[in-house]
Amino acid sequence: MNVPSEMTIRGGAMTASFAISTTPVARPTTATISVLLDEERHDAALTVVPPSIATLAFSARRVRGGSNDIGAITLNGAAPEGGIGIALASDSRLVAVPVRVVVAGGDRSVTFTAETTPVESEVAVSVSAANGERTVTADVVIEPPVLTSFSVTPATVVGGEPVQATPVIDGPAATSRRPRV
C-alpha cells in the first residue's frame, strides 16, 4: 500500500481526503493507516482482499452439439502476481471444460474452450467456476442439428437414370438420423 507522508486540511475546512493505492493480493492483507495531527493520533484498519469471480459467461448461450463454445471468467479486480486458479466443472458429460484455468497476474479475465457433444434433443448444461468460497454458474444449451438444405443431382434426368438425393444438417448427428422422405 502506498500512503502519502502528509496531507493538508485547508483553512476553513473540517476534512480532507487522500488516495491510498493498493496492489492485488493472493490472501487478505490488513494494514493500519495512521493520521497524526499535533499530538492526536487516529488509526484505521484497511483490509485488501484477493479478487473473486464476478462473472462466468459463454459467447453463445446456444450451440450445436459437436461444436465448441468460448467461456469467459471475469474477476472483480486484477489477479495478484502468480495469478489466480479457477476450478471449472460441468454437470454433464455433454460439455467438456478444462479442470482448471489461471487468470494471469495483473489480468482481470481468462477465456477457455468448452467442447460439446452431439445431442438428439435440446439439453441445458450448467458449467461452474469456483475460487475459494465463490462459485458462479452459467448454462449452455446444446441443440441437435437441423436440416439446412436438400438437393438432387442431377436436377434434370432422363427417365430410368439414377438421381442422388442429399439432405444436409448443420452439425454432427448424435446417432444415426432418419429424415422422412
N, C-alpha and C. Protein backbone atom coordinates (compact mmCIF):
# COMPACT_ATOMS: atom_id res chain seq x y z
N MET A 1 0.84 -1.16 0.00
CA MET A 1 0.00 0.00 0.00
C MET A 1 0.89 1.24 0.00
N ASN A 2 0.46 2.20 -0.76
CA ASN A 2 1.18 3.48 -0.78
C ASN A 2 0.30 4.56 -0.19
N VAL A 3 0.82 5.19 0.85
CA VAL A 3 0.10 6.24 1.56
C VAL A 3 0.98 7.49 1.53
N PRO A 4 0.40 8.66 1.25
CA PRO A 4 1.22 9.87 1.26
C PRO A 4 1.77 10.13 2.67
N SER A 5 2.92 10.75 2.74
CA SER A 5 3.53 11.01 4.06
C SER A 5 2.85 12.17 4.78
N GLU A 6 2.22 13.05 4.02
CA GLU A 6 1.47 14.14 4.65
C GLU A 6 0.36 14.60 3.71
N MET A 7 -0.54 15.38 4.29
CA MET A 7 -1.67 15.91 3.54
C MET A 7 -2.04 17.26 4.14
N THR A 8 -2.99 17.95 3.51
CA THR A 8 -3.39 19.28 4.00
C THR A 8 -4.89 19.34 4.19
N ILE A 9 -5.29 19.85 5.37
CA ILE A 9 -6.68 20.23 5.58
C ILE A 9 -6.69 21.74 5.46
N ARG A 10 -7.31 22.24 4.42
CA ARG A 10 -7.28 23.67 4.11
C ARG A 10 -8.01 24.48 5.19
N GLY A 11 -7.57 25.73 5.33
CA GLY A 11 -8.20 26.65 6.28
C GLY A 11 -9.69 26.74 6.03
N GLY A 12 -10.49 26.66 7.06
CA GLY A 12 -11.93 26.73 6.95
C GLY A 12 -12.59 25.37 6.72
N ALA A 13 -11.78 24.36 6.33
CA ALA A 13 -12.33 23.02 6.07
C ALA A 13 -12.24 22.17 7.34
N MET A 14 -13.08 21.16 7.40
CA MET A 14 -13.05 20.25 8.54
C MET A 14 -12.53 18.86 8.14
N THR A 15 -12.47 18.60 6.83
CA THR A 15 -12.00 17.30 6.36
C THR A 15 -11.16 17.48 5.10
N ALA A 16 -10.46 16.44 4.78
CA ALA A 16 -9.72 16.34 3.52
C ALA A 16 -9.55 14.85 3.23
N SER A 17 -9.45 14.52 1.98
CA SER A 17 -9.28 13.12 1.58
C SER A 17 -7.95 12.94 0.89
N PHE A 18 -7.45 11.73 0.94
CA PHE A 18 -6.25 11.39 0.19
C PHE A 18 -6.40 9.97 -0.34
N ALA A 19 -5.69 9.68 -1.40
CA ALA A 19 -5.78 8.37 -2.05
C ALA A 19 -4.74 7.42 -1.45
N ILE A 20 -5.15 6.18 -1.31
CA ILE A 20 -4.25 5.11 -0.89
C ILE A 20 -4.23 4.11 -2.04
N SER A 21 -3.07 3.85 -2.60
CA SER A 21 -3.01 2.88 -3.69
C SER A 21 -2.70 1.50 -3.12
N THR A 22 -3.35 0.50 -3.70
CA THR A 22 -3.14 -0.88 -3.26
C THR A 22 -2.69 -1.71 -4.45
N THR A 23 -2.18 -2.88 -4.16
CA THR A 23 -1.80 -3.83 -5.21
C THR A 23 -2.59 -5.11 -5.00
N PRO A 24 -2.80 -5.89 -6.06
CA PRO A 24 -3.53 -7.14 -5.91
C PRO A 24 -2.82 -8.08 -4.93
N VAL A 25 -3.61 -8.81 -4.16
CA VAL A 25 -3.06 -9.74 -3.17
C VAL A 25 -3.63 -11.14 -3.38
N ALA A 26 -2.87 -12.14 -2.92
CA ALA A 26 -3.31 -13.53 -3.03
C ALA A 26 -4.16 -13.95 -1.83
N ARG A 27 -3.96 -13.29 -0.68
CA ARG A 27 -4.76 -13.56 0.51
C ARG A 27 -5.04 -12.26 1.24
N PRO A 28 -6.09 -12.22 2.05
CA PRO A 28 -6.41 -10.96 2.73
C PRO A 28 -5.22 -10.39 3.49
N THR A 29 -5.02 -9.11 3.34
CA THR A 29 -3.91 -8.42 4.00
C THR A 29 -4.46 -7.17 4.68
N THR A 30 -4.18 -7.03 5.96
CA THR A 30 -4.67 -5.89 6.72
C THR A 30 -3.51 -4.99 7.12
N ALA A 31 -3.71 -3.70 6.98
CA ALA A 31 -2.70 -2.72 7.38
C ALA A 31 -3.39 -1.66 8.24
N THR A 32 -2.63 -1.05 9.11
CA THR A 32 -3.14 0.04 9.92
C THR A 32 -2.65 1.35 9.31
N ILE A 33 -3.58 2.23 9.00
CA ILE A 33 -3.26 3.55 8.45
C ILE A 33 -3.44 4.54 9.60
N SER A 34 -2.44 5.36 9.83
CA SER A 34 -2.49 6.31 10.95
C SER A 34 -2.42 7.73 10.44
N VAL A 35 -3.14 8.62 11.14
CA VAL A 35 -3.08 10.05 10.89
C VAL A 35 -2.74 10.72 12.21
N LEU A 36 -1.75 11.61 12.17
CA LEU A 36 -1.30 12.31 13.37
C LEU A 36 -1.40 13.80 13.13
N LEU A 37 -2.15 14.47 13.99
CA LEU A 37 -2.26 15.93 13.93
C LEU A 37 -1.92 16.45 15.32
N ASP A 38 -0.86 17.26 15.38
CA ASP A 38 -0.32 17.69 16.67
C ASP A 38 0.00 16.43 17.47
N GLU A 39 -0.59 16.24 18.60
CA GLU A 39 -0.32 15.05 19.40
C GLU A 39 -1.46 14.03 19.35
N GLU A 40 -2.47 14.32 18.52
CA GLU A 40 -3.65 13.45 18.43
C GLU A 40 -3.46 12.47 17.26
N ARG A 41 -3.52 11.17 17.56
CA ARG A 41 -3.33 10.13 16.54
C ARG A 41 -4.61 9.29 16.46
N HIS A 42 -5.00 9.00 15.22
CA HIS A 42 -6.13 8.09 14.99
C HIS A 42 -5.71 7.05 13.96
N ASP A 43 -6.15 5.82 14.18
CA ASP A 43 -5.82 4.69 13.31
C ASP A 43 -7.08 4.15 12.66
N ALA A 44 -6.90 3.62 11.48
CA ALA A 44 -7.98 2.92 10.78
C ALA A 44 -7.39 1.69 10.12
N ALA A 45 -8.10 0.58 10.23
CA ALA A 45 -7.64 -0.66 9.59
C ALA A 45 -8.14 -0.70 8.15
N LEU A 46 -7.27 -1.10 7.26
CA LEU A 46 -7.63 -1.27 5.86
C LEU A 46 -7.28 -2.70 5.47
N THR A 47 -8.27 -3.44 5.01
CA THR A 47 -8.04 -4.82 4.58
C THR A 47 -8.18 -4.90 3.07
N VAL A 48 -7.15 -5.41 2.42
CA VAL A 48 -7.17 -5.64 0.98
C VAL A 48 -7.41 -7.13 0.77
N VAL A 49 -8.44 -7.46 -0.01
CA VAL A 49 -8.79 -8.87 -0.24
C VAL A 49 -8.46 -9.26 -1.67
N PRO A 50 -8.24 -10.55 -1.89
CA PRO A 50 -7.99 -11.01 -3.26
C PRO A 50 -9.25 -10.86 -4.11
N PRO A 51 -9.08 -10.76 -5.41
CA PRO A 51 -10.27 -10.68 -6.26
C PRO A 51 -11.01 -12.01 -6.25
N SER A 52 -12.30 -11.95 -6.55
CA SER A 52 -13.10 -13.16 -6.67
C SER A 52 -13.78 -13.15 -8.04
N ILE A 53 -14.42 -14.24 -8.34
CA ILE A 53 -15.09 -14.37 -9.63
C ILE A 53 -16.30 -13.46 -9.65
N ALA A 54 -16.37 -12.59 -10.64
CA ALA A 54 -17.53 -11.71 -10.81
C ALA A 54 -18.54 -12.36 -11.75
N THR A 55 -18.05 -12.87 -12.90
CA THR A 55 -18.97 -13.45 -13.88
C THR A 55 -18.36 -14.65 -14.59
N LEU A 56 -19.23 -15.51 -15.06
CA LEU A 56 -18.90 -16.60 -15.97
C LEU A 56 -19.92 -16.50 -17.08
N ALA A 57 -19.46 -16.41 -18.31
CA ALA A 57 -20.37 -16.27 -19.45
C ALA A 57 -19.83 -17.03 -20.65
N PHE A 58 -20.73 -17.38 -21.56
CA PHE A 58 -20.34 -18.04 -22.80
C PHE A 58 -20.66 -17.14 -23.97
N SER A 59 -19.81 -17.21 -25.01
CA SER A 59 -20.01 -16.34 -26.17
C SER A 59 -21.32 -16.64 -26.87
N ALA A 60 -21.71 -17.90 -26.87
CA ALA A 60 -23.01 -18.29 -27.44
C ALA A 60 -23.72 -19.11 -26.38
N ARG A 61 -24.89 -18.69 -25.98
CA ARG A 61 -25.62 -19.46 -24.96
C ARG A 61 -26.24 -20.72 -25.56
N ARG A 62 -26.38 -20.74 -26.89
CA ARG A 62 -26.94 -21.90 -27.58
C ARG A 62 -25.95 -22.33 -28.66
N VAL A 63 -25.58 -23.61 -28.66
CA VAL A 63 -24.64 -24.12 -29.65
C VAL A 63 -25.11 -25.47 -30.18
N ARG A 64 -24.73 -25.76 -31.39
CA ARG A 64 -24.99 -27.08 -31.97
C ARG A 64 -24.07 -28.08 -31.30
N GLY A 65 -24.63 -29.21 -30.93
CA GLY A 65 -23.82 -30.28 -30.35
C GLY A 65 -22.69 -30.65 -31.30
N GLY A 66 -21.51 -30.87 -30.73
CA GLY A 66 -20.34 -31.21 -31.54
C GLY A 66 -19.49 -29.99 -31.86
N SER A 67 -19.98 -28.79 -31.55
CA SER A 67 -19.18 -27.59 -31.79
C SER A 67 -18.64 -27.07 -30.46
N ASN A 68 -17.73 -26.13 -30.53
CA ASN A 68 -17.14 -25.55 -29.32
C ASN A 68 -17.78 -24.21 -29.00
N ASP A 69 -17.73 -23.86 -27.73
CA ASP A 69 -18.17 -22.55 -27.27
C ASP A 69 -17.01 -21.96 -26.46
N ILE A 70 -16.93 -20.65 -26.40
CA ILE A 70 -15.87 -19.99 -25.64
C ILE A 70 -16.46 -19.43 -24.36
N GLY A 71 -15.89 -19.85 -23.23
CA GLY A 71 -16.31 -19.34 -21.94
C GLY A 71 -15.35 -18.25 -21.48
N ALA A 72 -15.85 -17.32 -20.70
CA ALA A 72 -15.02 -16.24 -20.16
C ALA A 72 -15.33 -16.06 -18.69
N ILE A 73 -14.28 -16.00 -17.89
CA ILE A 73 -14.40 -15.74 -16.46
C ILE A 73 -13.81 -14.37 -16.21
N THR A 74 -14.56 -13.51 -15.51
CA THR A 74 -14.10 -12.17 -15.18
C THR A 74 -14.04 -12.03 -13.67
N LEU A 75 -12.95 -11.47 -13.18
CA LEU A 75 -12.79 -11.21 -11.76
C LEU A 75 -13.26 -9.80 -11.43
N ASN A 76 -13.49 -9.53 -10.15
CA ASN A 76 -13.88 -8.19 -9.73
C ASN A 76 -12.69 -7.27 -9.47
N GLY A 77 -11.50 -7.74 -9.80
CA GLY A 77 -10.26 -6.96 -9.67
C GLY A 77 -9.14 -7.70 -10.36
N ALA A 78 -7.97 -7.09 -10.39
CA ALA A 78 -6.82 -7.71 -11.04
C ALA A 78 -6.27 -8.87 -10.21
N ALA A 79 -5.82 -9.92 -10.88
CA ALA A 79 -5.21 -11.06 -10.20
C ALA A 79 -3.83 -10.65 -9.67
N PRO A 80 -3.44 -11.22 -8.53
CA PRO A 80 -2.13 -10.89 -7.98
C PRO A 80 -1.01 -11.56 -8.77
N GLU A 81 0.22 -11.18 -8.48
CA GLU A 81 1.38 -11.80 -9.11
C GLU A 81 1.28 -13.31 -8.90
N GLY A 82 1.55 -14.09 -9.92
CA GLY A 82 1.42 -15.53 -9.84
C GLY A 82 0.06 -16.03 -10.31
N GLY A 83 -0.91 -15.12 -10.43
CA GLY A 83 -2.22 -15.48 -10.95
C GLY A 83 -3.15 -16.09 -9.92
N ILE A 84 -4.36 -16.36 -10.38
CA ILE A 84 -5.39 -17.00 -9.54
C ILE A 84 -5.96 -18.18 -10.31
N GLY A 85 -5.94 -19.35 -9.66
CA GLY A 85 -6.50 -20.55 -10.26
C GLY A 85 -8.01 -20.61 -10.06
N ILE A 86 -8.70 -21.02 -11.10
CA ILE A 86 -10.16 -21.16 -11.07
C ILE A 86 -10.49 -22.61 -11.45
N ALA A 87 -11.26 -23.29 -10.60
CA ALA A 87 -11.69 -24.66 -10.90
C ALA A 87 -12.97 -24.61 -11.73
N LEU A 88 -13.02 -25.42 -12.77
CA LEU A 88 -14.20 -25.50 -13.64
C LEU A 88 -14.82 -26.89 -13.55
N ALA A 89 -16.13 -26.95 -13.70
CA ALA A 89 -16.83 -28.24 -13.71
C ALA A 89 -18.09 -28.12 -14.55
N SER A 90 -18.47 -29.23 -15.18
CA SER A 90 -19.70 -29.31 -15.96
C SER A 90 -20.59 -30.33 -15.28
N ASP A 91 -21.90 -30.09 -15.27
CA ASP A 91 -22.80 -31.06 -14.64
C ASP A 91 -23.22 -32.17 -15.61
N SER A 92 -22.60 -32.21 -16.79
CA SER A 92 -22.94 -33.24 -17.78
C SER A 92 -21.72 -33.55 -18.64
N ARG A 93 -21.62 -34.79 -19.02
CA ARG A 93 -20.53 -35.20 -19.92
C ARG A 93 -20.68 -34.59 -21.31
N LEU A 94 -21.83 -33.97 -21.57
CA LEU A 94 -22.08 -33.38 -22.89
C LEU A 94 -21.30 -32.10 -23.13
N VAL A 95 -20.75 -31.50 -22.06
CA VAL A 95 -19.91 -30.31 -22.19
C VAL A 95 -18.62 -30.57 -21.42
N ALA A 96 -17.50 -30.58 -22.13
CA ALA A 96 -16.20 -30.80 -21.50
C ALA A 96 -15.48 -29.46 -21.36
N VAL A 97 -15.05 -29.17 -20.14
CA VAL A 97 -14.31 -27.94 -19.85
C VAL A 97 -13.00 -28.31 -19.19
N PRO A 98 -12.00 -27.42 -19.25
CA PRO A 98 -10.75 -27.70 -18.53
C PRO A 98 -11.04 -27.83 -17.03
N VAL A 99 -10.26 -28.61 -16.33
CA VAL A 99 -10.43 -28.78 -14.89
C VAL A 99 -10.06 -27.49 -14.17
N ARG A 100 -9.07 -26.77 -14.72
CA ARG A 100 -8.57 -25.56 -14.06
C ARG A 100 -8.05 -24.59 -15.10
N VAL A 101 -8.32 -23.32 -14.88
CA VAL A 101 -7.73 -22.25 -15.70
C VAL A 101 -7.10 -21.25 -14.74
N VAL A 102 -6.18 -20.43 -15.25
CA VAL A 102 -5.49 -19.45 -14.42
C VAL A 102 -5.66 -18.06 -15.02
N VAL A 103 -6.11 -17.12 -14.18
CA VAL A 103 -6.13 -15.72 -14.56
C VAL A 103 -4.74 -15.20 -14.22
N ALA A 104 -4.00 -14.78 -15.24
CA ALA A 104 -2.61 -14.36 -15.05
C ALA A 104 -2.52 -13.11 -14.18
N GLY A 105 -1.41 -12.97 -13.47
CA GLY A 105 -1.18 -11.81 -12.62
C GLY A 105 -1.37 -10.51 -13.39
N GLY A 106 -2.14 -9.59 -12.81
CA GLY A 106 -2.43 -8.31 -13.44
C GLY A 106 -3.64 -8.33 -14.35
N ASP A 107 -4.07 -9.51 -14.79
CA ASP A 107 -5.25 -9.62 -15.66
C ASP A 107 -6.53 -9.71 -14.83
N ARG A 108 -7.64 -9.43 -15.49
CA ARG A 108 -8.95 -9.50 -14.83
C ARG A 108 -9.83 -10.61 -15.39
N SER A 109 -9.36 -11.28 -16.46
CA SER A 109 -10.21 -12.31 -17.06
C SER A 109 -9.38 -13.37 -17.75
N VAL A 110 -10.04 -14.48 -18.07
CA VAL A 110 -9.44 -15.57 -18.82
C VAL A 110 -10.55 -16.24 -19.63
N THR A 111 -10.18 -16.76 -20.80
CA THR A 111 -11.14 -17.50 -21.61
C THR A 111 -10.73 -18.96 -21.69
N PHE A 112 -11.69 -19.81 -22.03
CA PHE A 112 -11.44 -21.24 -22.17
C PHE A 112 -12.41 -21.81 -23.20
N THR A 113 -12.08 -22.97 -23.71
CA THR A 113 -12.93 -23.64 -24.70
C THR A 113 -13.77 -24.71 -24.02
N ALA A 114 -15.07 -24.70 -24.31
CA ALA A 114 -16.00 -25.74 -23.85
C ALA A 114 -16.35 -26.58 -25.07
N GLU A 115 -16.03 -27.86 -25.02
CA GLU A 115 -16.30 -28.76 -26.14
C GLU A 115 -17.62 -29.48 -25.89
N THR A 116 -18.51 -29.41 -26.87
CA THR A 116 -19.82 -30.05 -26.71
C THR A 116 -19.88 -31.34 -27.51
N THR A 117 -20.83 -32.17 -27.14
CA THR A 117 -21.06 -33.47 -27.78
C THR A 117 -22.38 -33.39 -28.55
N PRO A 118 -22.47 -34.05 -29.71
CA PRO A 118 -23.74 -34.05 -30.45
C PRO A 118 -24.87 -34.62 -29.59
N VAL A 119 -26.06 -34.05 -29.76
CA VAL A 119 -27.24 -34.49 -28.99
C VAL A 119 -28.40 -34.75 -29.94
N GLU A 120 -29.37 -35.54 -29.47
CA GLU A 120 -30.57 -35.83 -30.25
C GLU A 120 -31.68 -34.83 -29.99
N SER A 121 -31.67 -34.23 -28.79
CA SER A 121 -32.66 -33.22 -28.44
C SER A 121 -31.98 -32.15 -27.60
N GLU A 122 -32.63 -31.01 -27.49
CA GLU A 122 -32.04 -29.87 -26.77
C GLU A 122 -31.77 -30.22 -25.31
N VAL A 123 -30.57 -29.84 -24.83
CA VAL A 123 -30.17 -30.12 -23.46
C VAL A 123 -29.50 -28.88 -22.88
N ALA A 124 -29.88 -28.49 -21.65
CA ALA A 124 -29.21 -27.39 -20.95
C ALA A 124 -28.19 -28.00 -19.99
N VAL A 125 -26.97 -27.48 -20.05
CA VAL A 125 -25.89 -27.97 -19.20
C VAL A 125 -25.35 -26.79 -18.39
N SER A 126 -25.14 -27.01 -17.09
CA SER A 126 -24.59 -25.98 -16.22
C SER A 126 -23.09 -26.19 -16.07
N VAL A 127 -22.35 -25.10 -16.22
CA VAL A 127 -20.91 -25.10 -16.00
C VAL A 127 -20.65 -24.19 -14.81
N SER A 128 -19.79 -24.62 -13.90
CA SER A 128 -19.48 -23.79 -12.73
C SER A 128 -18.00 -23.45 -12.69
N ALA A 129 -17.72 -22.27 -12.13
CA ALA A 129 -16.35 -21.81 -11.91
C ALA A 129 -16.25 -21.47 -10.43
N ALA A 130 -15.20 -21.97 -9.77
CA ALA A 130 -15.07 -21.76 -8.33
C ALA A 130 -13.66 -21.32 -7.96
N ASN A 131 -13.62 -20.40 -7.00
CA ASN A 131 -12.37 -19.93 -6.44
C ASN A 131 -12.64 -19.56 -5.00
N GLY A 132 -12.04 -20.28 -4.07
CA GLY A 132 -12.30 -20.00 -2.66
C GLY A 132 -13.74 -20.29 -2.33
N GLU A 133 -14.41 -19.35 -1.72
CA GLU A 133 -15.80 -19.54 -1.31
C GLU A 133 -16.80 -19.12 -2.38
N ARG A 134 -16.34 -18.54 -3.47
CA ARG A 134 -17.25 -18.01 -4.51
C ARG A 134 -17.35 -18.98 -5.67
N THR A 135 -18.59 -19.37 -6.00
CA THR A 135 -18.86 -20.22 -7.16
C THR A 135 -19.92 -19.53 -8.00
N VAL A 136 -19.69 -19.47 -9.30
CA VAL A 136 -20.70 -18.94 -10.21
C VAL A 136 -20.99 -19.99 -11.28
N THR A 137 -22.20 -19.94 -11.84
CA THR A 137 -22.58 -20.90 -12.87
C THR A 137 -23.15 -20.18 -14.09
N ALA A 138 -23.06 -20.86 -15.19
CA ALA A 138 -23.67 -20.38 -16.44
C ALA A 138 -24.14 -21.60 -17.21
N ASP A 139 -25.24 -21.44 -17.91
CA ASP A 139 -25.79 -22.54 -18.70
C ASP A 139 -25.40 -22.42 -20.16
N VAL A 140 -25.20 -23.57 -20.77
CA VAL A 140 -25.00 -23.69 -22.21
C VAL A 140 -26.10 -24.61 -22.70
N VAL A 141 -26.84 -24.18 -23.70
CA VAL A 141 -27.89 -25.02 -24.27
C VAL A 141 -27.32 -25.67 -25.53
N ILE A 142 -27.32 -27.00 -25.53
CA ILE A 142 -26.82 -27.75 -26.69
C ILE A 142 -28.03 -28.15 -27.53
N GLU A 143 -27.95 -27.80 -28.80
CA GLU A 143 -29.06 -28.08 -29.70
C GLU A 143 -28.70 -29.19 -30.68
N PRO A 144 -29.69 -29.99 -31.09
CA PRO A 144 -29.44 -31.00 -32.10
C PRO A 144 -29.31 -30.32 -33.47
N PRO A 145 -28.69 -31.01 -34.41
CA PRO A 145 -28.58 -30.42 -35.75
C PRO A 145 -29.95 -30.30 -36.41
N VAL A 146 -30.06 -29.33 -37.31
CA VAL A 146 -31.30 -29.16 -38.07
C VAL A 146 -30.99 -29.28 -39.56
N LEU A 147 -32.00 -29.62 -40.31
CA LEU A 147 -31.88 -29.75 -41.76
C LEU A 147 -31.67 -28.36 -42.36
N THR A 148 -30.57 -28.17 -43.07
CA THR A 148 -30.27 -26.84 -43.64
C THR A 148 -30.44 -26.79 -45.15
N SER A 149 -30.33 -27.94 -45.80
CA SER A 149 -30.54 -27.93 -47.25
C SER A 149 -30.85 -29.34 -47.74
N PHE A 150 -31.33 -29.37 -48.97
CA PHE A 150 -31.63 -30.64 -49.62
C PHE A 150 -31.45 -30.43 -51.11
N SER A 151 -30.76 -31.38 -51.75
CA SER A 151 -30.53 -31.24 -53.19
C SER A 151 -30.66 -32.59 -53.88
N VAL A 152 -30.94 -32.53 -55.18
CA VAL A 152 -30.93 -33.73 -56.03
C VAL A 152 -29.97 -33.46 -57.17
N THR A 153 -29.16 -34.49 -57.48
CA THR A 153 -28.16 -34.35 -58.54
C THR A 153 -28.21 -35.58 -59.44
N PRO A 154 -28.35 -35.40 -60.69
CA PRO A 154 -28.58 -34.13 -61.38
C PRO A 154 -30.03 -33.67 -61.18
N ALA A 155 -30.25 -32.39 -61.41
CA ALA A 155 -31.59 -31.82 -61.22
C ALA A 155 -32.52 -32.21 -62.36
N THR A 156 -31.96 -32.54 -63.51
CA THR A 156 -32.74 -33.00 -64.67
C THR A 156 -32.15 -34.32 -65.11
N VAL A 157 -33.01 -35.30 -65.36
CA VAL A 157 -32.53 -36.62 -65.72
C VAL A 157 -33.50 -37.28 -66.70
N VAL A 158 -32.98 -38.12 -67.52
CA VAL A 158 -33.80 -38.92 -68.42
C VAL A 158 -34.40 -40.05 -67.59
N GLY A 159 -35.68 -40.31 -67.78
CA GLY A 159 -36.36 -41.36 -67.03
C GLY A 159 -35.57 -42.66 -67.05
N GLY A 160 -35.48 -43.32 -65.93
CA GLY A 160 -34.78 -44.58 -65.81
C GLY A 160 -33.35 -44.41 -65.30
N GLU A 161 -32.84 -43.18 -65.26
CA GLU A 161 -31.48 -42.93 -64.77
C GLU A 161 -31.51 -42.62 -63.27
N PRO A 162 -30.43 -42.96 -62.55
CA PRO A 162 -30.40 -42.72 -61.11
C PRO A 162 -30.21 -41.24 -60.77
N VAL A 163 -30.71 -40.85 -59.63
CA VAL A 163 -30.56 -39.49 -59.10
C VAL A 163 -30.06 -39.62 -57.66
N GLN A 164 -29.10 -38.76 -57.29
CA GLN A 164 -28.57 -38.74 -55.92
C GLN A 164 -29.29 -37.64 -55.14
N ALA A 165 -29.94 -38.00 -54.04
CA ALA A 165 -30.61 -37.01 -53.17
C ALA A 165 -29.77 -36.85 -51.92
N THR A 166 -29.54 -35.58 -51.49
CA THR A 166 -28.66 -35.31 -50.35
C THR A 166 -29.27 -34.30 -49.38
N PRO A 167 -29.72 -34.79 -48.22
CA PRO A 167 -30.11 -33.85 -47.17
C PRO A 167 -28.85 -33.45 -46.39
N VAL A 168 -28.77 -32.20 -45.92
CA VAL A 168 -27.61 -31.72 -45.17
C VAL A 168 -28.09 -31.12 -43.84
N ILE A 169 -27.43 -31.52 -42.74
CA ILE A 169 -27.73 -30.94 -41.43
C ILE A 169 -26.55 -30.06 -41.01
N ASP A 170 -26.78 -29.15 -40.06
CA ASP A 170 -25.77 -28.15 -39.72
C ASP A 170 -24.84 -28.54 -38.56
N GLY A 171 -24.77 -29.80 -38.25
CA GLY A 171 -23.86 -30.26 -37.21
C GLY A 171 -23.84 -31.77 -37.22
N PRO A 172 -22.90 -32.36 -36.49
CA PRO A 172 -22.83 -33.82 -36.47
C PRO A 172 -24.05 -34.43 -35.77
N ALA A 173 -24.48 -35.56 -36.26
CA ALA A 173 -25.61 -36.26 -35.66
C ALA A 173 -25.12 -37.05 -34.45
N ALA A 174 -25.91 -37.07 -33.36
CA ALA A 174 -25.55 -37.82 -32.16
C ALA A 174 -25.64 -39.31 -32.43
N THR A 175 -26.64 -39.70 -33.17
CA THR A 175 -26.85 -41.09 -33.57
C THR A 175 -27.31 -41.05 -35.02
N SER A 176 -27.50 -42.19 -35.59
CA SER A 176 -28.00 -42.21 -36.97
C SER A 176 -29.34 -41.49 -37.02
N ARG A 177 -29.50 -40.62 -37.99
CA ARG A 177 -30.75 -39.85 -38.16
C ARG A 177 -31.47 -40.38 -39.38
N ARG A 178 -32.77 -40.40 -39.35
CA ARG A 178 -33.58 -40.89 -40.45
C ARG A 178 -34.58 -39.84 -40.87
N PRO A 179 -34.16 -38.91 -41.75
CA PRO A 179 -35.14 -37.92 -42.24
C PRO A 179 -36.26 -38.62 -43.00
N ARG A 180 -37.47 -38.12 -42.82
CA ARG A 180 -38.59 -38.68 -43.58
C ARG A 180 -38.53 -38.11 -44.98
N VAL A 181 -38.84 -38.96 -45.95
CA VAL A 181 -38.81 -38.55 -47.35
C VAL A 181 -40.22 -38.59 -47.89
